[in-house]
Amino acid sequence: MVKNSFISVISQEEENRGSIEFQVFRFTNKIRRLTSHLELHRKDYLSQRGLRKILGKRQRLLSYLSKKNRIRYKELISQLDIRESKTR
């Protein structure tokens, strides 16, 4: 239930579309939609490529956020139910 309230809060913030949290939220929605599409259409290689590109963009944003503000990063990961990235 926490996830739904977070989604509604992010969706209502019209002027804050450039924030990292909103961008990660949008990429996460696209990733989930593409993943469900690829479960039906396994050989759709263009969608697989698009999914990989979006995953990379989201990963770069999350690594930036983890370097800049670790607390916001932890909150975002827990609310969107994303696994924490591996540290190098």
PDB file of N, CA and C in Angstrom:
ATOM      1  N   MET A   1       0.811  -1.200   0.000  1.00  0.00           N
ATOM      2  CA  MET A   1       0.000   0.000   0.000  1.00  0.00           C
ATOM      3  C   MET A   1       0.855   1.265   0.000  1.00  0.00           C
ATOM      4  N   VAL A   2       2.050   1.161   0.551  1.00  0.00           N
ATOM      5  CA  VAL A   2       2.940   2.323   0.578  1.00  0.00           C
ATOM      6  C   VAL A   2       3.313   2.720  -0.840  1.00  0.00           C
ATOM      7  N   LYS A   3       3.480   1.712  -1.712  1.00  0.00           N
ATOM      8  CA  LYS A   3       3.878   1.983  -3.084  1.00  0.00           C
ATOM      9  C   LYS A   3       2.810   2.811  -3.808  1.00  0.00           C
ATOM     10  N   ASN A   4       1.526   2.486  -3.584  1.00  0.00           N
ATOM     11  CA  ASN A   4       0.457   3.211  -4.266  1.00  0.00           C
ATOM     12  C   ASN A   4       0.403   4.671  -3.840  1.00  0.00           C
ATOM     13  N   SER A   5       0.596   4.943  -2.559  1.00  0.00           N
ATOM     14  CA  SER A   5       0.574   6.335  -2.115  1.00  0.00           C
ATOM     15  C   SER A   5       1.758   7.098  -2.702  1.00  0.00           C
ATOM     16  N   PHE A   6       2.901   6.444  -2.808  1.00  0.00           N
ATOM     17  CA  PHE A   6       4.083   7.076  -3.396  1.00  0.00           C
ATOM     18  C   PHE A   6       3.828   7.401  -4.860  1.00  0.00           C
ATOM     19  N   ILE A   7       3.189   6.473  -5.579  1.00  0.00           N
ATOM     20  CA  ILE A   7       2.903   6.682  -6.998  1.00  0.00           C
ATOM     21  C   ILE A   7       1.952   7.854  -7.177  1.00  0.00           C
ATOM     22  N   SER A   8       0.926   7.944  -6.330  1.00  0.00           N
ATOM     23  CA  SER A   8      -0.020   9.051  -6.476  1.00  0.00           C
ATOM     24  C   SER A   8       0.655  10.381  -6.155  1.00  0.00           C
ATOM     25  N   VAL A   9       1.549  10.395  -5.175  1.00  0.00           N
ATOM     26  CA  VAL A   9       2.265  11.634  -4.838  1.00  0.00           C
ATOM     27  C   VAL A   9       3.142  12.060  -5.999  1.00  0.00           C
ATOM     28  N   ILE A  10       3.858  11.110  -6.606  1.00  0.00           N
ATOM     29  CA  ILE A  10       4.734  11.445  -7.731  1.00  0.00           C
ATOM     30  C   ILE A  10       3.910  11.886  -8.935  1.00  0.00           C
ATOM     31  N   SER A  11       2.780  11.233  -9.190  1.00  0.00           N
ATOM     32  CA  SER A  11       1.969  11.579 -10.348  1.00  0.00           C
ATOM     33  C   SER A  11       1.375  12.976 -10.224  1.00  0.00           C
ATOM     34  N   GLN A  12       1.101  13.408  -9.003  1.00  0.00           N
ATOM     35  CA  GLN A  12       0.479  14.724  -8.812  1.00  0.00           C
ATOM     36  C   GLN A  12       1.478  15.861  -8.955  1.00  0.00           C
ATOM     37  N   GLU A  13       2.755  15.577  -8.838  1.00  0.00           N
ATOM     38  CA  GLU A  13       3.768  16.628  -8.907  1.00  0.00           C
ATOM     39  C   GLU A  13       4.060  16.968 -10.372  1.00  0.00           C
ATOM     40  N   GLU A  14       3.226  17.792 -10.958  1.00  0.00           N
ATOM     41  CA  GLU A  14       3.358  18.130 -12.376  1.00  0.00           C
ATOM     42  C   GLU A  14       4.619  18.947 -12.650  1.00  0.00           C
ATOM     43  N   GLU A  15       4.947  19.876 -11.755  1.00  0.00           N
ATOM     44  CA  GLU A  15       6.072  20.763 -12.015  1.00  0.00           C
ATOM     45  C   GLU A  15       7.408  20.106 -11.687  1.00  0.00           C
ATOM     46  N   ASN A  16       7.388  18.902 -11.120  1.00  0.00           N
ATOM     47  CA  ASN A  16       8.626  18.264 -10.684  1.00  0.00           C
ATOM     48  C   ASN A  16       8.988  17.080 -11.575  1.00  0.00           C
ATOM     49  N   ARG A  17       8.683  17.163 -12.854  1.00  0.00           N
ATOM     50  CA  ARG A  17       8.927  16.051 -13.764  1.00  0.00           C
ATOM     51  C   ARG A  17      10.399  15.820 -14.046  1.00  0.00           C
ATOM     52  N   GLY A  18      11.226  16.789 -13.763  1.00  0.00           N
ATOM     53  CA  GLY A  18      12.644  16.635 -14.018  1.00  0.00           C
ATOM     54  C   GLY A  18      13.397  16.002 -12.869  1.00  0.00           C
ATOM     55  N   SER A  19      12.721  15.782 -11.753  1.00  0.00           N
ATOM     56  CA  SER A  19      13.423  15.217 -10.598  1.00  0.00           C
ATOM     57  C   SER A  19      13.853  13.787 -10.892  1.00  0.00           C
ATOM     58  N   ILE A  20      14.897  13.379 -10.233  1.00  0.00           N
ATOM     59  CA  ILE A  20      15.435  12.038 -10.451  1.00  0.00           C
ATOM     60  C   ILE A  20      14.401  10.992 -10.053  1.00  0.00           C
ATOM     61  N   GLU A  21      13.688  11.237  -8.943  1.00  0.00           N
ATOM     62  CA  GLU A  21      12.700  10.269  -8.477  1.00  0.00           C
ATOM     63  C   GLU A  21      11.616  10.059  -9.524  1.00  0.00           C
ATOM     64  N   PHE A  22      11.139  11.151 -10.127  1.00  0.00           N
ATOM     65  CA  PHE A  22      10.080  11.029 -11.135  1.00  0.00           C
ATOM     66  C   PHE A  22      10.591  10.288 -12.366  1.00  0.00           C
ATOM     67  N   GLN A  23      11.810  10.593 -12.786  1.00  0.00           N
ATOM     68  CA  GLN A  23      12.364   9.922 -13.960  1.00  0.00           C
ATOM     69  C   GLN A  23      12.540   8.428 -13.708  1.00  0.00           C
ATOM     70  N   VAL A  24      13.040   8.064 -12.524  1.00  0.00           N
ATOM     71  CA  VAL A  24      13.204   6.650 -12.196  1.00  0.00           C
ATOM     72  C   VAL A  24      11.849   5.971 -12.136  1.00  0.00           C
ATOM     73  N   PHE A  25      10.852   6.667 -11.594  1.00  0.00           N
ATOM     74  CA  PHE A  25       9.485   6.135 -11.532  1.00  0.00           C
ATOM     75  C   PHE A  25       8.945   5.862 -12.934  1.00  0.00           C
ATOM     76  N   ARG A  26       9.148   6.799 -13.856  1.00  0.00           N
ATOM     77  CA  ARG A  26       8.678   6.604 -15.234  1.00  0.00           C
ATOM     78  C   ARG A  26       9.403   5.456 -15.913  1.00  0.00           C
ATOM     79  N   PHE A  27      10.731   5.384 -15.741  1.00  0.00           N
ATOM     80  CA  PHE A  27      11.493   4.281 -16.331  1.00  0.00           C
ATOM     81  C   PHE A  27      11.045   2.945 -15.755  1.00  0.00           C
ATOM     82  N   THR A  28      10.745   2.907 -14.457  1.00  0.00           N
ATOM     83  CA  THR A  28      10.299   1.667 -13.821  1.00  0.00           C
ATOM     84  C   THR A  28       8.969   1.216 -14.410  1.00  0.00           C
ATOM     85  N   ASN A  29       8.062   2.159 -14.642  1.00  0.00           N
ATOM     86  CA  ASN A  29       6.779   1.793 -15.266  1.00  0.00           C
ATOM     87  C   ASN A  29       6.999   1.248 -16.674  1.00  0.00           C
ATOM     88  N   LYS A  30       7.879   1.888 -17.444  1.00  0.00           N
ATOM     89  CA  LYS A  30       8.168   1.402 -18.797  1.00  0.00           C
ATOM     90  C   LYS A  30       8.790   0.012 -18.753  1.00  0.00           C
ATOM     91  N   ILE A  31       9.690  -0.206 -17.802  1.00  0.00           N
ATOM     92  CA  ILE A  31      10.355  -1.501 -17.680  1.00  0.00           C
ATOM     93  C   ILE A  31       9.342  -2.586 -17.357  1.00  0.00           C
ATOM     94  N   ARG A  32       8.435  -2.306 -16.438  1.00  0.00           N
ATOM     95  CA  ARG A  32       7.428  -3.311 -16.078  1.00  0.00           C
ATOM     96  C   ARG A  32       6.501  -3.599 -17.252  1.00  0.00           C
ATOM     97  N   ARG A  33       6.144  -2.556 -18.003  1.00  0.00           N
ATOM     98  CA  ARG A  33       5.268  -2.757 -19.157  1.00  0.00           C
ATOM     99  C   ARG A  33       5.972  -3.572 -20.243  1.00  0.00           C
ATOM    100  N   LEU A  34       7.236  -3.249 -20.521  1.00  0.00           N
ATOM    101  CA  LEU A  34       7.991  -3.995 -21.531  1.00  0.00           C
ATOM    102  C   LEU A  34       8.250  -5.438 -21.097  1.00  0.00           C
ATOM    103  N   THR A  35       8.469  -5.643 -19.822  1.00  0.00           N
ATOM    104  CA  THR A  35       8.705  -6.997 -19.324  1.00  0.00           C
ATOM    105  C   THR A  35       7.473  -7.865 -19.525  1.00  0.00           C
ATOM    106  N   SER A  36       6.300  -7.322 -19.224  1.00  0.00           N
ATOM    107  CA  SER A  36       5.075  -8.104 -19.427  1.00  0.00           C
ATOM    108  C   SER A  36       4.839  -8.345 -20.917  1.00  0.00           C
ATOM    109  N   HIS A  37       5.205  -7.381 -21.767  1.00  0.00           N
ATOM    110  CA  HIS A  37       5.075  -7.561 -23.213  1.00  0.00           C
ATOM    111  C   HIS A  37       6.005  -8.677 -23.696  1.00  0.00           C
ATOM    112  N   LEU A  38       7.228  -8.702 -23.173  1.00  0.00           N
ATOM    113  CA  LEU A  38       8.198  -9.693 -23.621  1.00  0.00           C
ATOM    114  C   LEU A  38       7.888 -11.099 -23.119  1.00  0.00           C
ATOM    115  N   GLU A  39       7.071 -11.214 -22.063  1.00  0.00           N
ATOM    116  CA  GLU A  39       6.651 -12.541 -21.633  1.00  0.00           C
ATOM    117  C   GLU A  39       5.760 -13.179 -22.688  1.00  0.00           C
ATOM    118  N   LEU A  40       4.995 -12.361 -23.393  1.00  0.00           N
ATOM    119  CA  LEU A  40       4.130 -12.878 -24.463  1.00  0.00           C
ATOM    120  C   LEU A  40       4.887 -13.024 -25.776  1.00  0.00           C
ATOM    121  N   HIS A  41       5.732 -12.051 -26.079  1.00  0.00           N
ATOM    122  CA  HIS A  41       6.436 -12.013 -27.362  1.00  0.00           C
ATOM    123  C   HIS A  41       7.933 -12.173 -27.112  1.00  0.00           C
ATOM    124  N   ARG A  42       8.365 -13.393 -26.958  1.00  0.00           N
ATOM    125  CA  ARG A  42       9.752 -13.670 -26.563  1.00  0.00           C
ATOM    126  C   ARG A  42      10.763 -13.275 -27.633  1.00  0.00           C
ATOM    127  N   LYS A  43      10.382 -13.295 -28.886  1.00  0.00           N
ATOM    128  CA  LYS A  43      11.343 -13.026 -29.964  1.00  0.00           C
ATOM    129  C   LYS A  43      11.301 -11.592 -30.471  1.00  0.00           C
ATOM    130  N   ASP A  44      10.704 -10.704 -29.720  1.00  0.00           N
ATOM    131  CA  ASP A  44      10.640  -9.296 -30.097  1.00  0.00           C
ATOM    132  C   ASP A  44      11.960  -8.630 -29.695  1.00  0.00           C
ATOM    133  N   TYR A  45      12.936  -8.733 -30.590  1.00  0.00           N
ATOM    134  CA  TYR A  45      14.289  -8.306 -30.241  1.00  0.00           C
ATOM    135  C   TYR A  45      14.421  -6.792 -30.136  1.00  0.00           C
ATOM    136  N   LEU A  46      13.623  -6.048 -30.880  1.00  0.00           N
ATOM    137  CA  LEU A  46      13.683  -4.591 -30.769  1.00  0.00           C
ATOM    138  C   LEU A  46      13.188  -4.135 -29.400  1.00  0.00           C
ATOM    139  N   SER A  47      12.153  -4.775 -28.895  1.00  0.00           N
ATOM    140  CA  SER A  47      11.679  -4.429 -27.555  1.00  0.00           C
ATOM    141  C   SER A  47      12.703  -4.831 -26.498  1.00  0.00           C
ATOM    142  N   GLN A  48      13.410  -5.936 -26.726  1.00  0.00           N
ATOM    143  CA  GLN A  48      14.463  -6.336 -25.795  1.00  0.00           C
ATOM    144  C   GLN A  48      15.564  -5.283 -25.754  1.00  0.00           C
ATOM    145  N   ARG A  49      15.900  -4.759 -26.929  1.00  0.00           N
ATOM    146  CA  ARG A  49      16.934  -3.722 -26.996  1.00  0.00           C
ATOM    147  C   ARG A  49      16.465  -2.459 -26.278  1.00  0.00           C
ATOM    148  N   GLY A  50      15.205  -2.077 -26.504  1.00  0.00           N
ATOM    149  CA  GLY A  50      14.659  -0.911 -25.821  1.00  0.00           C
ATOM    150  C   GLY A  50      14.652  -1.093 -24.319  1.00  0.00           C
ATOM    151  N   LEU A  51      14.318  -2.301 -23.874  1.00  0.00           N
ATOM    152  CA  LEU A  51      14.313  -2.592 -22.444  1.00  0.00           C
ATOM    153  C   LEU A  51      15.719  -2.447 -21.865  1.00  0.00           C
ATOM    154  N   ARG A  52      16.720  -2.959 -22.574  1.00  0.00           N
ATOM    155  CA  ARG A  52      18.099  -2.839 -22.092  1.00  0.00           C
ATOM    156  C   ARG A  52      18.535  -1.380 -22.012  1.00  0.00           C
ATOM    157  N   LYS A  53      18.124  -0.573 -22.990  1.00  0.00           N
ATOM    158  CA  LYS A  53      18.485   0.853 -22.973  1.00  0.00           C
ATOM    159  C   LYS A  53      17.849   1.563 -21.783  1.00  0.00           C
ATOM    160  N   ILE A  54      16.574   1.276 -21.532  1.00  0.00           N
ATOM    161  CA  ILE A  54      15.881   1.915 -20.411  1.00  0.00           C
ATOM    162  C   ILE A  54      16.475   1.460 -19.083  1.00  0.00           C
ATOM    163  N   LEU A  55      16.818   0.169 -18.999  1.00  0.00           N
ATOM    164  CA  LEU A  55      17.457  -0.335 -17.773  1.00  0.00           C
ATOM    165  C   LEU A  55      18.776   0.393 -17.515  1.00  0.00           C
ATOM    166  N   GLY A  56      19.541   0.629 -18.566  1.00  0.00           N
ATOM    167  CA  GLY A  56      20.801   1.340 -18.406  1.00  0.00           C
ATOM    168  C   GLY A  56      20.607   2.773 -17.962  1.00  0.00           C
ATOM    169  N   LYS A  57      19.610   3.443 -18.542  1.00  0.00           N
ATOM    170  CA  LYS A  57      19.329   4.829 -18.148  1.00  0.00           C
ATOM    171  C   LYS A  57      18.918   4.901 -16.684  1.00  0.00           C
ATOM    172  N   ARG A  58      18.038   3.963 -16.279  1.00  0.00           N
ATOM    173  CA  ARG A  58      17.584   3.961 -14.890  1.00  0.00           C
ATOM    174  C   ARG A  58      18.751   3.662 -13.956  1.00  0.00           C
ATOM    175  N   GLN A  59      19.614   2.750 -14.359  1.00  0.00           N
ATOM    176  CA  GLN A  59      20.761   2.395 -13.524  1.00  0.00           C
ATOM    177  C   GLN A  59      21.706   3.578 -13.353  1.00  0.00           C
ATOM    178  N   ARG A  60      21.932   4.330 -14.433  1.00  0.00           N
ATOM    179  CA  ARG A  60      22.799   5.508 -14.328  1.00  0.00           C
ATOM    180  C   ARG A  60      22.191   6.563 -13.400  1.00  0.00           C
ATOM    181  N   LEU A  61      20.866   6.783 -13.508  1.00  0.00           N
ATOM    182  CA  LEU A  61      20.216   7.740 -12.619  1.00  0.00           C
ATOM    183  C   LEU A  61      20.308   7.289 -11.164  1.00  0.00           C
ATOM    184  N   LEU A  62      20.094   5.991 -10.927  1.00  0.00           N
ATOM    185  CA  LEU A  62      20.142   5.490  -9.554  1.00  0.00           C
ATOM    186  C   LEU A  62      21.554   5.576  -8.977  1.00  0.00           C
ATOM    187  N   SER A  63      22.563   5.322  -9.801  1.00  0.00           N
ATOM    188  CA  SER A  63      23.930   5.421  -9.280  1.00  0.00           C
ATOM    189  C   SER A  63      24.276   6.876  -8.971  1.00  0.00           C
ATOM    190  N   TYR A  64      23.802   7.801  -9.799  1.00  0.00           N
ATOM    191  CA  TYR A  64      24.010   9.226  -9.523  1.00  0.00           C
ATOM    192  C   TYR A  64      23.346   9.611  -8.204  1.00  0.00           C
ATOM    193  N   LEU A  65      22.098   9.156  -8.028  1.00  0.00           N
ATOM    194  CA  LEU A  65      21.365   9.504  -6.807  1.00  0.00           C
ATOM    195  C   LEU A  65      22.027   8.887  -5.581  1.00  0.00           C
ATOM    196  N   SER A  66      22.544   7.668  -5.713  1.00  0.00           N
ATOM    197  CA  SER A  66      23.184   7.029  -4.558  1.00  0.00           C
ATOM    198  C   SER A  66      24.457   7.754  -4.156  1.00  0.00           C
ATOM    199  N   LYS A  67      25.157   8.350  -5.129  1.00  0.00           N
ATOM    200  CA  LYS A  67      26.359   9.113  -4.801  1.00  0.00           C
ATOM    201  C   LYS A  67      26.018  10.455  -4.167  1.00  0.00           C
ATOM    202  N   LYS A  68      24.948  11.098  -4.667  1.00  0.00           N
ATOM    203  CA  LYS A  68      24.603  12.439  -4.208  1.00  0.00           C
ATOM    204  C   LYS A  68      23.844  12.433  -2.882  1.00  0.00           C
ATOM    205  N   ASN A  69      22.832  11.538  -2.774  1.00  0.00           N
ATOM    206  CA  ASN A  69      21.986  11.539  -1.584  1.00  0.00           C
ATOM    207  C   ASN A  69      21.565  10.105  -1.284  1.00  0.00           C
ATOM    208  N   ARG A  70      22.290   9.469  -0.386  1.00  0.00           N
ATOM    209  CA  ARG A  70      22.059   8.041  -0.091  1.00  0.00           C
ATOM    210  C   ARG A  70      20.682   7.799   0.533  1.00  0.00           C
ATOM    211  N   ILE A  71      20.181   8.742   1.330  1.00  0.00           N
ATOM    212  CA  ILE A  71      18.894   8.558   2.008  1.00  0.00           C
ATOM    213  C   ILE A  71      17.760   8.554   0.990  1.00  0.00           C
ATOM    214  N   ARG A  72      17.763   9.532   0.065  1.00  0.00           N
ATOM    215  CA  ARG A  72      16.729   9.565  -0.982  1.00  0.00           C
ATOM    216  C   ARG A  72      16.792   8.317  -1.844  1.00  0.00           C
ATOM    217  N   TYR A  73      18.004   7.832  -2.112  1.00  0.00           N
ATOM    218  CA  TYR A  73      18.195   6.618  -2.909  1.00  0.00           C
ATOM    219  C   TYR A  73      17.558   5.415  -2.228  1.00  0.00           C
ATOM    220  N   LYS A  74      17.828   5.251  -0.936  1.00  0.00           N
ATOM    221  CA  LYS A  74      17.271   4.117  -0.180  1.00  0.00           C
ATOM    222  C   LYS A  74      15.749   4.179  -0.139  1.00  0.00           C
ATOM    223  N   GLU A  75      15.195   5.381   0.069  1.00  0.00           N
ATOM    224  CA  GLU A  75      13.740   5.539   0.104  1.00  0.00           C
ATOM    225  C   GLU A  75      13.115   5.187  -1.240  1.00  0.00           C
ATOM    226  N   LEU A  76      13.719   5.659  -2.305  1.00  0.00           N
ATOM    227  CA  LEU A  76      13.191   5.416  -3.647  1.00  0.00           C
ATOM    228  C   LEU A  76      13.221   3.934  -3.985  1.00  0.00           C
ATOM    229  N   ILE A  77      14.306   3.277  -3.670  1.00  0.00           N
ATOM    230  CA  ILE A  77      14.427   1.847  -3.955  1.00  0.00           C
ATOM    231  C   ILE A  77      13.382   1.045  -3.182  1.00  0.00           C
ATOM    232  N   SER A  78      13.184   1.392  -1.917  1.00  0.00           N
ATOM    233  CA  SER A  78      12.216   0.632  -1.127  1.00  0.00           C
ATOM    234  C   SER A  78      10.790   0.896  -1.598  1.00  0.00           C
ATOM    235  N   GLN A  79      10.483   2.127  -1.998  1.00  0.00           N
ATOM    236  CA  GLN A  79       9.115   2.447  -2.417  1.00  0.00           C
ATOM    237  C   GLN A  79       8.784   1.871  -3.788  1.00  0.00           C
ATOM    238  N   LEU A  80       9.757   1.816  -4.696  1.00  0.00           N
ATOM    239  CA  LEU A  80       9.496   1.273  -6.026  1.00  0.00           C
ATOM    240  C   LEU A  80       9.776  -0.223  -6.110  1.00  0.00           C
ATOM    241  N   ASP A  81      10.251  -0.811  -5.017  1.00  0.00           N
ATOM    242  CA  ASP A  81      10.533  -2.248  -4.953  1.00  0.00           C
ATOM    243  C   ASP A  81      11.569  -2.647  -6.008  1.00  0.00           C
ATOM    244  N   ILE A  82      12.696  -1.937  -6.000  1.00  0.00           N
ATOM    245  CA  ILE A  82      13.805  -2.194  -6.919  1.00  0.00           C
ATOM    246  C   ILE A  82      14.948  -2.781  -6.093  1.00  0.00           C
ATOM    247  N   ARG A  83      15.653  -3.733  -6.678  1.00  0.00           N
ATOM    248  CA  ARG A  83      16.831  -4.269  -5.989  1.00  0.00           C
ATOM    249  C   ARG A  83      17.952  -3.250  -5.993  1.00  0.00           C
ATOM    250  N   GLU A  84      18.731  -3.278  -4.939  1.00  0.00           N
ATOM    251  CA  GLU A  84      19.867  -2.349  -4.864  1.00  0.00           C
ATOM    252  C   GLU A  84      20.955  -2.817  -5.816  1.00  0.00           C
ATOM    253  N   SER A  85      21.606  -1.871  -6.459  1.00  0.00           N
ATOM    254  CA  SER A  85      22.627  -2.229  -7.433  1.00  0.00           C
ATOM    255  C   SER A  85      23.862  -2.754  -6.732  1.00  0.00           C
ATOM    256  N   LYS A  86      24.611  -3.559  -7.459  1.00  0.00           N
ATOM    257  CA  LYS A  86      25.850  -4.100  -6.922  1.00  0.00           C
ATOM    258  C   LYS A  86      26.902  -3.008  -6.885  1.00  0.00           C
ATOM    259  N   THR A  87      27.630  -2.930  -5.784  1.00  0.00           N
ATOM    260  CA  THR A  87      28.680  -1.924  -5.689  1.00  0.00           C
ATOM    261  C   THR A  87      29.973  -2.506  -6.218  1.00  0.00           C
ATOM    262  N   ARG A  88      30.757  -1.655  -6.842  1.00  0.00           N
ATOM    263  CA  ARG A  88      32.015  -2.114  -7.439  1.00  0.00           C
ATOM    264  C   ARG A  88      33.152  -1.929  -6.486  1.00  0.00           C
TER     265      ARG A  88
END
